[in-house]
Amino acid sequence: MGLTSNSTGNNLLNENFEKLKKDCNFTIALAGNPNVGKSTIFNNLTGLHQHTGNWPR
């Protein structure tokens, strides 16, 4: 079971996002432990498909 648009409430955000964009300027920060879904939430909010990696050099 993973994060879906239904479980994260992404559908609700999509319905109101255009209004929010027009009404205000805001900054959102995602912080938390590894492997808790920060990138998944970021990708759902932005519509991007970003990947992350934390490998030693």
PDB file of N, CA and C in Angstrom:
ATOM      1  N   MET A   1       0.849  -1.177   0.000  1.00  0.00           N
ATOM      2  CA  MET A   1       0.000   0.000   0.000  1.00  0.00           C
ATOM      3  C   MET A   1       0.890   1.234   0.000  1.00  0.00           C
ATOM      4  N   GLY A   2       0.631   2.140  -0.892  1.00  0.00           N
ATOM      5  CA  GLY A   2       1.451   3.324  -0.985  1.00  0.00           C
ATOM      6  C   GLY A   2       0.614   4.580  -0.874  1.00  0.00           C
ATOM      7  N   LEU A   3       1.278   5.707  -1.066  1.00  0.00           N
ATOM      8  CA  LEU A   3       0.575   6.978  -1.043  1.00  0.00           C
ATOM      9  C   LEU A   3      -0.117   7.173  -2.382  1.00  0.00           C
ATOM     10  N   THR A   4      -1.386   7.444  -2.367  1.00  0.00           N
ATOM     11  CA  THR A   4      -2.147   7.701  -3.576  1.00  0.00           C
ATOM     12  C   THR A   4      -2.780   9.077  -3.478  1.00  0.00           C
ATOM     13  N   SER A   5      -3.336   9.540  -4.580  1.00  0.00           N
ATOM     14  CA  SER A   5      -3.975  10.857  -4.547  1.00  0.00           C
ATOM     15  C   SER A   5      -5.169  10.852  -3.594  1.00  0.00           C
ATOM     16  N   ASN A   6      -5.821   9.699  -3.444  1.00  0.00           N
ATOM     17  CA  ASN A   6      -6.951   9.637  -2.507  1.00  0.00           C
ATOM     18  C   ASN A   6      -6.473   9.656  -1.061  1.00  0.00           C
ATOM     19  N   SER A   7      -5.399   8.915  -0.757  1.00  0.00           N
ATOM     20  CA  SER A   7      -4.958   8.844   0.634  1.00  0.00           C
ATOM     21  C   SER A   7      -4.253  10.113   1.089  1.00  0.00           C
ATOM     22  N   THR A   8      -3.666  10.868   0.166  1.00  0.00           N
ATOM     23  CA  THR A   8      -2.973  12.099   0.541  1.00  0.00           C
ATOM     24  C   THR A   8      -3.864  13.324   0.443  1.00  0.00           C
ATOM     25  N   GLY A   9      -5.061  13.158  -0.075  1.00  0.00           N
ATOM     26  CA  GLY A   9      -5.942  14.307  -0.252  1.00  0.00           C
ATOM     27  C   GLY A   9      -5.553  15.168  -1.427  1.00  0.00           C
ATOM     28  N   ASN A  10      -4.772  14.617  -2.360  1.00  0.00           N
ATOM     29  CA  ASN A  10      -4.291  15.374  -3.507  1.00  0.00           C
ATOM     30  C   ASN A  10      -5.443  15.878  -4.377  1.00  0.00           C
ATOM     31  N   ASN A  11      -6.529  15.127  -4.461  1.00  0.00           N
ATOM     32  CA  ASN A  11      -7.670  15.581  -5.256  1.00  0.00           C
ATOM     33  C   ASN A  11      -8.224  16.889  -4.713  1.00  0.00           C
ATOM     34  N   LEU A  12      -8.308  17.003  -3.410  1.00  0.00           N
ATOM     35  CA  LEU A  12      -8.789  18.230  -2.787  1.00  0.00           C
ATOM     36  C   LEU A  12      -7.869  19.391  -3.119  1.00  0.00           C
ATOM     37  N   LEU A  13      -6.560  19.140  -3.077  1.00  0.00           N
ATOM     38  CA  LEU A  13      -5.607  20.197  -3.397  1.00  0.00           C
ATOM     39  C   LEU A  13      -5.742  20.627  -4.852  1.00  0.00           C
ATOM     40  N   ASN A  14      -5.884  19.660  -5.753  1.00  0.00           N
ATOM     41  CA  ASN A  14      -6.019  19.998  -7.174  1.00  0.00           C
ATOM     42  C   ASN A  14      -7.234  20.868  -7.435  1.00  0.00           C
ATOM     43  N   GLU A  15      -8.329  20.613  -6.719  1.00  0.00           N
ATOM     44  CA  GLU A  15      -9.542  21.392  -6.921  1.00  0.00           C
ATOM     45  C   GLU A  15      -9.347  22.851  -6.510  1.00  0.00           C
ATOM     46  N   ASN A  16      -8.549  23.097  -5.499  1.00  0.00           N
ATOM     47  CA  ASN A  16      -8.394  24.454  -4.963  1.00  0.00           C
ATOM     48  C   ASN A  16      -7.069  25.110  -5.330  1.00  0.00           C
ATOM     49  N   PHE A  17      -6.179  24.415  -6.040  1.00  0.00           N
ATOM     50  CA  PHE A  17      -4.835  24.920  -6.273  1.00  0.00           C
ATOM     51  C   PHE A  17      -4.828  26.188  -7.116  1.00  0.00           C
ATOM     52  N   GLU A  18      -5.612  26.232  -8.172  1.00  0.00           N
ATOM     53  CA  GLU A  18      -5.619  27.421  -9.027  1.00  0.00           C
ATOM     54  C   GLU A  18      -6.067  28.655  -8.254  1.00  0.00           C
ATOM     55  N   LYS A  19      -7.059  28.501  -7.402  1.00  0.00           N
ATOM     56  CA  LYS A  19      -7.511  29.633  -6.579  1.00  0.00           C
ATOM     57  C   LYS A  19      -6.415  30.066  -5.618  1.00  0.00           C
ATOM     58  N   LEU A  20      -5.741  29.078  -4.988  1.00  0.00           N
ATOM     59  CA  LEU A  20      -4.663  29.410  -4.061  1.00  0.00           C
ATOM     60  C   LEU A  20      -3.532  30.135  -4.769  1.00  0.00           C
ATOM     61  N   LYS A  21      -3.201  29.695  -5.979  1.00  0.00           N
ATOM     62  CA  LYS A  21      -2.120  30.320  -6.731  1.00  0.00           C
ATOM     63  C   LYS A  21      -2.417  31.784  -7.018  1.00  0.00           C
ATOM     64  N   LYS A  22      -3.650  32.099  -7.309  1.00  0.00           N
ATOM     65  CA  LYS A  22      -4.017  33.472  -7.647  1.00  0.00           C
ATOM     66  C   LYS A  22      -4.114  34.361  -6.411  1.00  0.00           C
ATOM     67  N   ASP A  23      -4.523  33.771  -5.280  1.00  0.00           N
ATOM     68  CA  ASP A  23      -4.806  34.569  -4.088  1.00  0.00           C
ATOM     69  C   ASP A  23      -3.585  34.897  -3.240  1.00  0.00           C
ATOM     70  N   CYS A  24      -2.538  34.066  -3.277  1.00  0.00           N
ATOM     71  CA  CYS A  24      -1.422  34.321  -2.362  1.00  0.00           C
ATOM     72  C   CYS A  24      -0.119  33.755  -2.893  1.00  0.00           C
ATOM     73  N   ASN A  25       0.940  34.187  -2.267  1.00  0.00           N
ATOM     74  CA  ASN A  25       2.277  33.701  -2.560  1.00  0.00           C
ATOM     75  C   ASN A  25       2.735  32.923  -1.327  1.00  0.00           C
ATOM     76  N   PHE A  26       3.103  31.666  -1.478  1.00  0.00           N
ATOM     77  CA  PHE A  26       3.448  30.867  -0.317  1.00  0.00           C
ATOM     78  C   PHE A  26       4.647  29.968  -0.596  1.00  0.00           C
ATOM     79  N   THR A  27       5.292  29.552   0.482  1.00  0.00           N
ATOM     80  CA  THR A  27       6.416  28.630   0.429  1.00  0.00           C
ATOM     81  C   THR A  27       6.085  27.433   1.302  1.00  0.00           C
ATOM     82  N   ILE A  28       6.362  26.236   0.785  1.00  0.00           N
ATOM     83  CA  ILE A  28       6.098  25.009   1.521  1.00  0.00           C
ATOM     84  C   ILE A  28       7.413  24.268   1.704  1.00  0.00           C
ATOM     85  N   ALA A  29       7.667  23.786   2.911  1.00  0.00           N
ATOM     86  CA  ALA A  29       8.865  22.986   3.189  1.00  0.00           C
ATOM     87  C   ALA A  29       8.422  21.597   3.637  1.00  0.00           C
ATOM     88  N   LEU A  30       9.070  20.579   3.091  1.00  0.00           N
ATOM     89  CA  LEU A  30       8.822  19.199   3.505  1.00  0.00           C
ATOM     90  C   LEU A  30      10.052  18.716   4.253  1.00  0.00           C
ATOM     91  N   ALA A  31       9.874  18.335   5.490  1.00  0.00           N
ATOM     92  CA  ALA A  31      10.976  17.846   6.312  1.00  0.00           C
ATOM     93  C   ALA A  31      10.528  16.596   7.031  1.00  0.00           C
ATOM     94  N   GLY A  32      11.451  15.672   7.232  1.00  0.00           N
ATOM     95  CA  GLY A  32      11.098  14.456   7.950  1.00  0.00           C
ATOM     96  C   GLY A  32      12.171  13.399   7.813  1.00  0.00           C
ATOM     97  N   ASN A  33      11.915  12.285   8.421  1.00  0.00           N
ATOM     98  CA  ASN A  33      12.843  11.160   8.383  1.00  0.00           C
ATOM     99  C   ASN A  33      12.931  10.575   6.980  1.00  0.00           C
ATOM    100  N   PRO A  34      13.993   9.798   6.714  1.00  0.00           N
ATOM    101  CA  PRO A  34      14.088   9.125   5.419  1.00  0.00           C
ATOM    102  C   PRO A  34      12.946   8.134   5.223  1.00  0.00           C
ATOM    103  N   ASN A  35      12.560   7.951   3.979  1.00  0.00           N
ATOM    104  CA  ASN A  35      11.574   6.938   3.579  1.00  0.00           C
ATOM    105  C   ASN A  35      10.195   7.137   4.204  1.00  0.00           C
ATOM    106  N   VAL A  36       9.757   8.386   4.307  1.00  0.00           N
ATOM    107  CA  VAL A  36       8.415   8.634   4.824  1.00  0.00           C
ATOM    108  C   VAL A  36       7.479   9.218   3.762  1.00  0.00           C
ATOM    109  N   GLY A  37       7.978   9.415   2.547  1.00  0.00           N
ATOM    110  CA  GLY A  37       7.124   9.872   1.454  1.00  0.00           C
ATOM    111  C   GLY A  37       7.237  11.334   1.093  1.00  0.00           C
ATOM    112  N   LYS A  38       8.297  12.007   1.506  1.00  0.00           N
ATOM    113  CA  LYS A  38       8.455  13.433   1.182  1.00  0.00           C
ATOM    114  C   LYS A  38       8.524  13.649  -0.330  1.00  0.00           C
ATOM    115  N   SER A  39       9.299  12.840  -1.022  1.00  0.00           N
ATOM    116  CA  SER A  39       9.430  12.984  -2.475  1.00  0.00           C
ATOM    117  C   SER A  39       8.122  12.663  -3.171  1.00  0.00           C
ATOM    118  N   THR A  40       7.390  11.685  -2.679  1.00  0.00           N
ATOM    119  CA  THR A  40       6.097  11.330  -3.263  1.00  0.00           C
ATOM    120  C   THR A  40       5.129  12.493  -3.142  1.00  0.00           C
ATOM    121  N   ILE A  41       5.081  13.112  -1.981  1.00  0.00           N
ATOM    122  CA  ILE A  41       4.193  14.259  -1.779  1.00  0.00           C
ATOM    123  C   ILE A  41       4.633  15.419  -2.664  1.00  0.00           C
ATOM    124  N   PHE A  42       5.944  15.678  -2.720  1.00  0.00           N
ATOM    125  CA  PHE A  42       6.463  16.745  -3.576  1.00  0.00           C
ATOM    126  C   PHE A  42       6.063  16.513  -5.029  1.00  0.00           C
ATOM    127  N   ASN A  43       6.246  15.294  -5.516  1.00  0.00           N
ATOM    128  CA  ASN A  43       5.917  14.993  -6.905  1.00  0.00           C
ATOM    129  C   ASN A  43       4.422  15.119  -7.173  1.00  0.00           C
ATOM    130  N   ASN A  44       3.588  14.715  -6.218  1.00  0.00           N
ATOM    131  CA  ASN A  44       2.140  14.868  -6.392  1.00  0.00           C
ATOM    132  C   ASN A  44       1.724  16.328  -6.399  1.00  0.00           C
ATOM    133  N   LEU A  45       2.322  17.134  -5.553  1.00  0.00           N
ATOM    134  CA  LEU A  45       1.962  18.551  -5.486  1.00  0.00           C
ATOM    135  C   LEU A  45       2.402  19.311  -6.721  1.00  0.00           C
ATOM    136  N   THR A  46       3.580  18.977  -7.247  1.00  0.00           N
ATOM    137  CA  THR A  46       4.141  19.744  -8.358  1.00  0.00           C
ATOM    138  C   THR A  46       3.860  19.150  -9.727  1.00  0.00           C
ATOM    139  N   GLY A  47       3.488  17.866  -9.774  1.00  0.00           N
ATOM    140  CA  GLY A  47       3.294  17.206 -11.055  1.00  0.00           C
ATOM    141  C   GLY A  47       4.600  16.791 -11.706  1.00  0.00           C
ATOM    142  N   LEU A  48       5.699  16.916 -10.987  1.00  0.00           N
ATOM    143  CA  LEU A  48       7.001  16.520 -11.505  1.00  0.00           C
ATOM    144  C   LEU A  48       7.278  15.053 -11.174  1.00  0.00           C
ATOM    145  N   HIS A  49       8.379  14.544 -11.685  1.00  0.00           N
ATOM    146  CA  HIS A  49       8.772  13.153 -11.412  1.00  0.00           C
ATOM    147  C   HIS A  49      10.229  13.143 -10.956  1.00  0.00           C
ATOM    148  N   GLN A  50      10.512  13.854  -9.877  1.00  0.00           N
ATOM    149  CA  GLN A  50      11.869  13.974  -9.367  1.00  0.00           C
ATOM    150  C   GLN A  50      12.289  12.713  -8.621  1.00  0.00           C
ATOM    151  N   HIS A  51      13.564  12.376  -8.746  1.00  0.00           N
ATOM    152  CA  HIS A  51      14.131  11.249  -8.015  1.00  0.00           C
ATOM    153  C   HIS A  51      15.234  11.780  -7.119  1.00  0.00           C
ATOM    154  N   THR A  52      15.438  11.139  -6.002  1.00  0.00           N
ATOM    155  CA  THR A  52      16.491  11.561  -5.094  1.00  0.00           C
ATOM    156  C   THR A  52      17.429  10.403  -4.829  1.00  0.00           C
ATOM    157  N   GLY A  53      18.615  10.721  -4.384  1.00  0.00           N
ATOM    158  CA  GLY A  53      19.592   9.705  -4.019  1.00  0.00           C
ATOM    159  C   GLY A  53      20.520  10.242  -2.947  1.00  0.00           C
ATOM    160  N   ASN A  54      20.939   9.380  -2.064  1.00  0.00           N
ATOM    161  CA  ASN A  54      21.848   9.767  -1.003  1.00  0.00           C
ATOM    162  C   ASN A  54      22.956   8.725  -0.916  1.00  0.00           C
ATOM    163  N   TRP A  55      23.791   8.731  -1.934  1.00  0.00           N
ATOM    164  CA  TRP A  55      24.866   7.750  -2.010  1.00  0.00           C
ATOM    165  C   TRP A  55      26.198   8.415  -1.662  1.00  0.00           C
ATOM    166  N   PRO A  56      27.119   7.692  -1.039  1.00  0.00           N
ATOM    167  CA  PRO A  56      28.434   8.263  -0.755  1.00  0.00           C
ATOM    168  C   PRO A  56      29.188   8.541  -2.054  1.00  0.00           C
ATOM    169  N   ARG A  57      30.053   9.529  -2.025  1.00  0.00           N
ATOM    170  CA  ARG A  57      30.838   9.891  -3.224  1.00  0.00           C
ATOM    171  C   ARG A  57      31.974   8.965  -3.445  1.00  0.00           C
TER     172      ARG A  57
END
